Amino acid sequence: MIDRHRLLADLKPLLKEVEADLRARCDEVPQIDADLKKEYNEACAADRTGITYEEWRADLVTQVGVAWVLSCVFVRFLEDNALITPPCISGPLHRAGTGAGLMRRPRRARNLL
């Protein structure tokens, strides 16, 4: 049985790491920032946002980070219950050499779960 309080407590710091990694990636790769600014400008032009670019980007980074973490939790649940094979996240130590950690992980979030 999943201890939801413990899971939430474990995932909150991980989300902060993923968010930091995503922010760093946006800052390091000019094309990513340019694409985000274009999307932001389109949202402003369509009256879909009224906040600053920095606030908008912070919200987007949080949404993407949450989606990443929850997706990984879901995949691990499927793996742990033998609902998908081969394992994509758990790797060789978890499944006696059957997984290769196929999903690419953020740089600072190597040990997701």
N, C-alpha and C. Protein backbone atom coordinates (compact mmCIF):
# COMPACT_ATOMS: atom_id res chain seq x y z
N MET A 1 0.84 -1.18 0.00
CA MET A 1 0.00 0.00 0.00
C MET A 1 0.89 1.24 0.00
N ILE A 2 0.51 2.23 -0.76
CA ILE A 2 1.28 3.47 -0.86
C ILE A 2 0.95 4.37 0.33
N ASP A 3 1.99 4.83 0.99
CA ASP A 3 1.84 5.80 2.07
C ASP A 3 1.87 7.19 1.42
N ARG A 4 0.71 7.74 1.15
CA ARG A 4 0.63 8.98 0.36
C ARG A 4 1.31 10.16 1.05
N HIS A 5 1.30 10.20 2.36
CA HIS A 5 1.95 11.31 3.07
C HIS A 5 3.46 11.23 2.92
N ARG A 6 3.98 10.03 3.03
CA ARG A 6 5.43 9.84 2.85
C ARG A 6 5.82 10.11 1.40
N LEU A 7 5.01 9.62 0.45
CA LEU A 7 5.30 9.84 -0.95
C LEU A 7 5.35 11.34 -1.25
N LEU A 8 4.37 12.08 -0.78
CA LEU A 8 4.34 13.53 -1.01
C LEU A 8 5.57 14.20 -0.39
N ALA A 9 5.91 13.80 0.82
CA ALA A 9 7.09 14.37 1.49
C ALA A 9 8.37 14.06 0.71
N ASP A 10 8.44 12.88 0.12
CA ASP A 10 9.62 12.49 -0.66
C ASP A 10 9.67 13.22 -2.00
N LEU A 11 8.52 13.50 -2.58
CA LEU A 11 8.48 14.10 -3.92
C LEU A 11 8.68 15.60 -3.92
N LYS A 12 8.32 16.27 -2.85
CA LYS A 12 8.45 17.74 -2.81
C LYS A 12 9.89 18.21 -3.04
N PRO A 13 10.88 17.64 -2.34
CA PRO A 13 12.26 18.07 -2.61
C PRO A 13 12.71 17.70 -4.04
N LEU A 14 12.23 16.58 -4.54
CA LEU A 14 12.57 16.19 -5.89
C LEU A 14 12.03 17.20 -6.90
N LEU A 15 10.82 17.67 -6.68
CA LEU A 15 10.23 18.68 -7.56
C LEU A 15 11.10 19.93 -7.57
N LYS A 16 11.60 20.34 -6.43
CA LYS A 16 12.46 21.53 -6.36
C LYS A 16 13.73 21.32 -7.20
N GLU A 17 14.29 20.11 -7.16
CA GLU A 17 15.48 19.81 -7.96
C GLU A 17 15.16 19.85 -9.45
N VAL A 18 14.05 19.28 -9.83
CA VAL A 18 13.66 19.26 -11.24
C VAL A 18 13.40 20.68 -11.72
N GLU A 19 12.72 21.49 -10.90
CA GLU A 19 12.47 22.88 -11.28
C GLU A 19 13.79 23.64 -11.47
N ALA A 20 14.73 23.44 -10.56
CA ALA A 20 16.03 24.12 -10.67
C ALA A 20 16.74 23.69 -11.95
N ASP A 21 16.66 22.41 -12.27
CA ASP A 21 17.29 21.90 -13.48
C ASP A 21 16.63 22.49 -14.72
N LEU A 22 15.30 22.58 -14.73
CA LEU A 22 14.60 23.15 -15.87
C LEU A 22 14.92 24.64 -16.03
N ARG A 23 14.97 25.37 -14.92
CA ARG A 23 15.33 26.79 -15.00
C ARG A 23 16.74 26.98 -15.55
N ALA A 24 17.66 26.15 -15.07
CA ALA A 24 19.04 26.24 -15.54
C ALA A 24 19.11 25.94 -17.04
N ARG A 25 18.37 24.96 -17.47
CA ARG A 25 18.35 24.61 -18.90
C ARG A 25 17.80 25.77 -19.73
N CYS A 26 16.76 26.42 -19.26
CA CYS A 26 16.21 27.58 -19.97
C CYS A 26 17.25 28.69 -20.07
N ASP A 27 18.02 28.88 -19.01
CA ASP A 27 19.03 29.94 -18.99
C ASP A 27 20.25 29.58 -19.86
N GLU A 28 20.58 28.30 -19.93
CA GLU A 28 21.77 27.85 -20.65
C GLU A 28 21.57 27.77 -22.16
N VAL A 29 20.36 27.50 -22.59
CA VAL A 29 20.10 27.29 -24.02
C VAL A 29 19.25 28.46 -24.54
N PRO A 30 19.87 29.37 -25.28
CA PRO A 30 19.14 30.55 -25.74
C PRO A 30 17.89 30.23 -26.56
N GLN A 31 17.91 29.16 -27.33
CA GLN A 31 16.75 28.82 -28.16
C GLN A 31 15.54 28.45 -27.31
N ILE A 32 15.77 27.78 -26.18
CA ILE A 32 14.65 27.43 -25.29
C ILE A 32 14.01 28.70 -24.75
N ASP A 33 14.85 29.63 -24.29
CA ASP A 33 14.32 30.88 -23.74
C ASP A 33 13.59 31.67 -24.84
N ALA A 34 14.15 31.69 -26.04
CA ALA A 34 13.50 32.40 -27.14
C ALA A 34 12.14 31.79 -27.47
N ASP A 35 12.06 30.47 -27.48
CA ASP A 35 10.78 29.80 -27.75
C ASP A 35 9.76 30.11 -26.66
N LEU A 36 10.22 30.12 -25.41
CA LEU A 36 9.30 30.43 -24.31
C LEU A 36 8.82 31.88 -24.38
N LYS A 37 9.72 32.79 -24.73
CA LYS A 37 9.32 34.19 -24.86
C LYS A 37 8.31 34.37 -25.98
N LYS A 38 8.50 33.63 -27.06
CA LYS A 38 7.53 33.69 -28.17
C LYS A 38 6.16 33.20 -27.69
N GLU A 39 6.16 32.06 -26.98
CA GLU A 39 4.89 31.52 -26.46
C GLU A 39 4.24 32.50 -25.48
N TYR A 40 5.06 33.12 -24.63
CA TYR A 40 4.55 34.11 -23.68
C TYR A 40 3.93 35.30 -24.42
N ASN A 41 4.63 35.80 -25.42
CA ASN A 41 4.12 36.95 -26.18
C ASN A 41 2.80 36.61 -26.88
N GLU A 42 2.69 35.40 -27.39
CA GLU A 42 1.44 34.97 -28.01
C GLU A 42 0.31 34.89 -26.97
N ALA A 43 0.65 34.42 -25.77
CA ALA A 43 -0.35 34.35 -24.70
C ALA A 43 -0.80 35.75 -24.30
N CYS A 44 0.14 36.67 -24.23
CA CYS A 44 -0.22 38.07 -23.90
C CYS A 44 -1.10 38.67 -24.98
N ALA A 45 -0.73 38.44 -26.23
CA ALA A 45 -1.50 39.00 -27.34
C ALA A 45 -2.93 38.46 -27.37
N ALA A 46 -3.11 37.23 -26.92
CA ALA A 46 -4.45 36.61 -26.90
C ALA A 46 -5.16 36.84 -25.56
N ASP A 47 -4.60 37.68 -24.71
CA ASP A 47 -5.16 37.96 -23.38
C ASP A 47 -5.32 36.70 -22.53
N ARG A 48 -4.39 35.76 -22.67
CA ARG A 48 -4.41 34.55 -21.85
C ARG A 48 -3.57 34.70 -20.59
N THR A 49 -2.79 35.78 -20.52
CA THR A 49 -1.99 36.03 -19.32
C THR A 49 -1.80 37.53 -19.15
N GLY A 50 -1.63 37.92 -17.92
CA GLY A 50 -1.39 39.32 -17.62
C GLY A 50 -0.22 39.47 -16.66
N ILE A 51 0.50 38.38 -16.45
CA ILE A 51 1.63 38.41 -15.52
C ILE A 51 2.93 38.62 -16.29
N THR A 52 4.00 38.89 -15.57
CA THR A 52 5.29 39.12 -16.21
C THR A 52 5.83 37.82 -16.78
N TYR A 53 6.80 37.96 -17.68
CA TYR A 53 7.43 36.78 -18.28
C TYR A 53 8.05 35.90 -17.21
N GLU A 54 8.72 36.49 -16.24
CA GLU A 54 9.39 35.71 -15.20
C GLU A 54 8.38 34.89 -14.38
N GLU A 55 7.25 35.51 -14.04
CA GLU A 55 6.20 34.77 -13.32
C GLU A 55 5.61 33.67 -14.18
N TRP A 56 5.37 33.98 -15.44
CA TRP A 56 4.80 33.01 -16.37
C TRP A 56 5.73 31.81 -16.54
N ARG A 57 7.03 32.11 -16.71
CA ARG A 57 8.01 31.03 -16.87
C ARG A 57 8.12 30.19 -15.60
N ALA A 58 8.07 30.84 -14.44
CA ALA A 58 8.14 30.09 -13.18
C ALA A 58 6.95 29.15 -13.05
N ASP A 59 5.77 29.62 -13.42
CA ASP A 59 4.58 28.76 -13.39
C ASP A 59 4.72 27.59 -14.36
N LEU A 60 5.21 27.87 -15.55
CA LEU A 60 5.39 26.81 -16.56
C LEU A 60 6.41 25.78 -16.09
N VAL A 61 7.50 26.26 -15.51
CA VAL A 61 8.53 25.35 -15.00
C VAL A 61 7.94 24.44 -13.92
N THR A 62 7.12 25.00 -13.05
CA THR A 62 6.48 24.18 -12.02
C THR A 62 5.54 23.15 -12.64
N GLN A 63 4.75 23.56 -13.62
CA GLN A 63 3.83 22.61 -14.27
C GLN A 63 4.59 21.48 -14.95
N VAL A 64 5.66 21.82 -15.65
CA VAL A 64 6.45 20.80 -16.34
C VAL A 64 7.13 19.89 -15.32
N GLY A 65 7.64 20.47 -14.24
CA GLY A 65 8.29 19.66 -13.20
C GLY A 65 7.32 18.69 -12.55
N VAL A 66 6.13 19.16 -12.23
CA VAL A 66 5.11 18.30 -11.63
C VAL A 66 4.74 17.17 -12.61
N ALA A 67 4.58 17.53 -13.87
CA ALA A 67 4.25 16.51 -14.87
C ALA A 67 5.34 15.46 -14.96
N TRP A 68 6.60 15.88 -14.91
CA TRP A 68 7.72 14.94 -14.98
C TRP A 68 7.70 13.99 -13.78
N VAL A 69 7.60 14.57 -12.59
CA VAL A 69 7.63 13.76 -11.37
C VAL A 69 6.45 12.78 -11.34
N LEU A 70 5.26 13.26 -11.62
CA LEU A 70 4.09 12.38 -11.58
C LEU A 70 4.15 11.30 -12.66
N SER A 71 4.68 11.64 -13.81
CA SER A 71 4.84 10.63 -14.87
C SER A 71 5.79 9.53 -14.42
N CYS A 72 6.87 9.93 -13.77
CA CYS A 72 7.83 8.93 -13.28
C CYS A 72 7.22 8.06 -12.18
N VAL A 73 6.44 8.67 -11.30
CA VAL A 73 5.75 7.89 -10.26
C VAL A 73 4.82 6.87 -10.91
N PHE A 74 4.08 7.30 -11.92
CA PHE A 74 3.14 6.40 -12.60
C PHE A 74 3.88 5.26 -13.28
N VAL A 75 4.96 5.56 -13.98
CA VAL A 75 5.72 4.51 -14.65
C VAL A 75 6.31 3.54 -13.63
N ARG A 76 6.84 4.05 -12.52
CA ARG A 76 7.38 3.15 -11.49
C ARG A 76 6.29 2.27 -10.91
N PHE A 77 5.09 2.80 -10.73
CA PHE A 77 3.97 1.98 -10.25
C PHE A 77 3.70 0.85 -11.23
N LEU A 78 3.67 1.18 -12.51
CA LEU A 78 3.45 0.15 -13.53
C LEU A 78 4.56 -0.89 -13.51
N GLU A 79 5.80 -0.45 -13.39
CA GLU A 79 6.93 -1.38 -13.33
C GLU A 79 6.86 -2.26 -12.10
N ASP A 80 6.64 -1.65 -10.96
CA ASP A 80 6.62 -2.40 -9.70
C ASP A 80 5.51 -3.44 -9.65
N ASN A 81 4.46 -3.24 -10.44
CA ASN A 81 3.35 -4.18 -10.49
C ASN A 81 3.40 -5.05 -11.74
N ALA A 82 4.56 -5.08 -12.38
CA ALA A 82 4.81 -5.89 -13.57
C ALA A 82 3.77 -5.67 -14.67
N LEU A 83 3.34 -4.41 -14.82
CA LEU A 83 2.35 -4.09 -15.84
C LEU A 83 2.99 -3.64 -17.15
N ILE A 84 4.29 -3.31 -17.11
CA ILE A 84 5.03 -3.01 -18.33
C ILE A 84 6.39 -3.69 -18.28
N THR A 85 6.85 -4.11 -19.41
CA THR A 85 8.19 -4.69 -19.52
C THR A 85 8.79 -4.26 -20.84
N PRO A 86 10.06 -4.05 -20.93
CA PRO A 86 11.01 -4.04 -19.82
C PRO A 86 10.86 -2.77 -19.00
N PRO A 87 11.41 -2.76 -17.79
CA PRO A 87 11.35 -1.56 -16.97
C PRO A 87 12.04 -0.39 -17.66
N CYS A 88 11.47 0.78 -17.53
CA CYS A 88 12.03 1.98 -18.17
C CYS A 88 12.80 2.85 -17.19
N ILE A 89 12.41 2.86 -15.95
CA ILE A 89 13.03 3.76 -14.97
C ILE A 89 13.83 3.01 -13.92
N SER A 90 13.31 1.90 -13.44
CA SER A 90 13.89 1.26 -12.27
C SER A 90 15.31 0.78 -12.48
N GLY A 91 15.68 0.41 -13.67
CA GLY A 91 17.06 0.06 -13.98
C GLY A 91 17.47 -1.32 -13.53
N PRO A 92 18.74 -1.63 -13.76
CA PRO A 92 19.23 -3.00 -13.55
C PRO A 92 19.24 -3.46 -12.09
N LEU A 93 19.45 -2.56 -11.16
CA LEU A 93 19.49 -2.99 -9.76
C LEU A 93 18.12 -3.40 -9.26
N HIS A 94 17.08 -2.76 -9.78
CA HIS A 94 15.72 -3.04 -9.32
C HIS A 94 15.17 -4.34 -9.90
N ARG A 95 15.53 -4.64 -11.13
CA ARG A 95 14.95 -5.80 -11.81
C ARG A 95 16.00 -6.81 -12.25
N ALA A 96 17.04 -6.96 -11.48
CA ALA A 96 18.07 -7.97 -11.74
C ALA A 96 18.57 -7.93 -13.18
N GLY A 97 18.91 -6.74 -13.65
CA GLY A 97 19.52 -6.62 -14.96
C GLY A 97 18.57 -6.52 -16.13
N THR A 98 17.28 -6.42 -15.90
CA THR A 98 16.35 -6.39 -17.02
C THR A 98 16.08 -4.99 -17.54
N GLY A 99 16.37 -3.97 -16.76
CA GLY A 99 16.09 -2.60 -17.19
C GLY A 99 17.36 -1.85 -17.47
N ALA A 100 17.28 -0.92 -18.36
CA ALA A 100 18.45 -0.14 -18.69
C ALA A 100 18.25 1.34 -18.40
N GLY A 101 17.22 1.68 -17.64
CA GLY A 101 16.96 3.09 -17.35
C GLY A 101 16.72 3.87 -18.63
N LEU A 102 15.76 3.44 -19.42
CA LEU A 102 15.57 3.98 -20.75
C LEU A 102 15.12 5.42 -20.77
N MET A 103 14.42 5.88 -19.74
CA MET A 103 13.95 7.27 -19.74
C MET A 103 15.11 8.19 -19.38
N ARG A 104 15.24 9.26 -20.12
CA ARG A 104 16.28 10.23 -19.83
C ARG A 104 15.87 11.05 -18.61
N ARG A 105 16.77 11.16 -17.67
CA ARG A 105 16.46 11.86 -16.42
C ARG A 105 17.11 13.24 -16.42
N PRO A 106 16.50 14.21 -15.73
CA PRO A 106 17.16 15.50 -15.57
C PRO A 106 18.50 15.32 -14.86
N ARG A 107 19.42 16.21 -15.10
CA ARG A 107 20.79 16.06 -14.57
C ARG A 107 20.84 15.88 -13.07
N ARG A 108 20.07 16.64 -12.30
CA ARG A 108 20.16 16.54 -10.86
C ARG A 108 19.14 15.57 -10.26
N ALA A 109 18.38 14.92 -11.09
CA ALA A 109 17.34 14.01 -10.60
C ALA A 109 17.63 12.59 -11.07
N ARG A 110 18.83 12.13 -10.85
CA ARG A 110 19.24 10.81 -11.33
C ARG A 110 18.50 9.67 -10.63
N ASN A 111 18.31 9.78 -9.34
CA ASN A 111 17.64 8.73 -8.57
C ASN A 111 16.23 9.19 -8.26
N LEU A 112 15.33 9.04 -9.21
CA LEU A 112 14.00 9.62 -9.08
C LEU A 112 13.19 9.01 -7.97
N LEU A 113 13.14 7.72 -7.87
CA LEU A 113 12.29 7.10 -6.88
C LEU A 113 12.98 5.94 -6.23
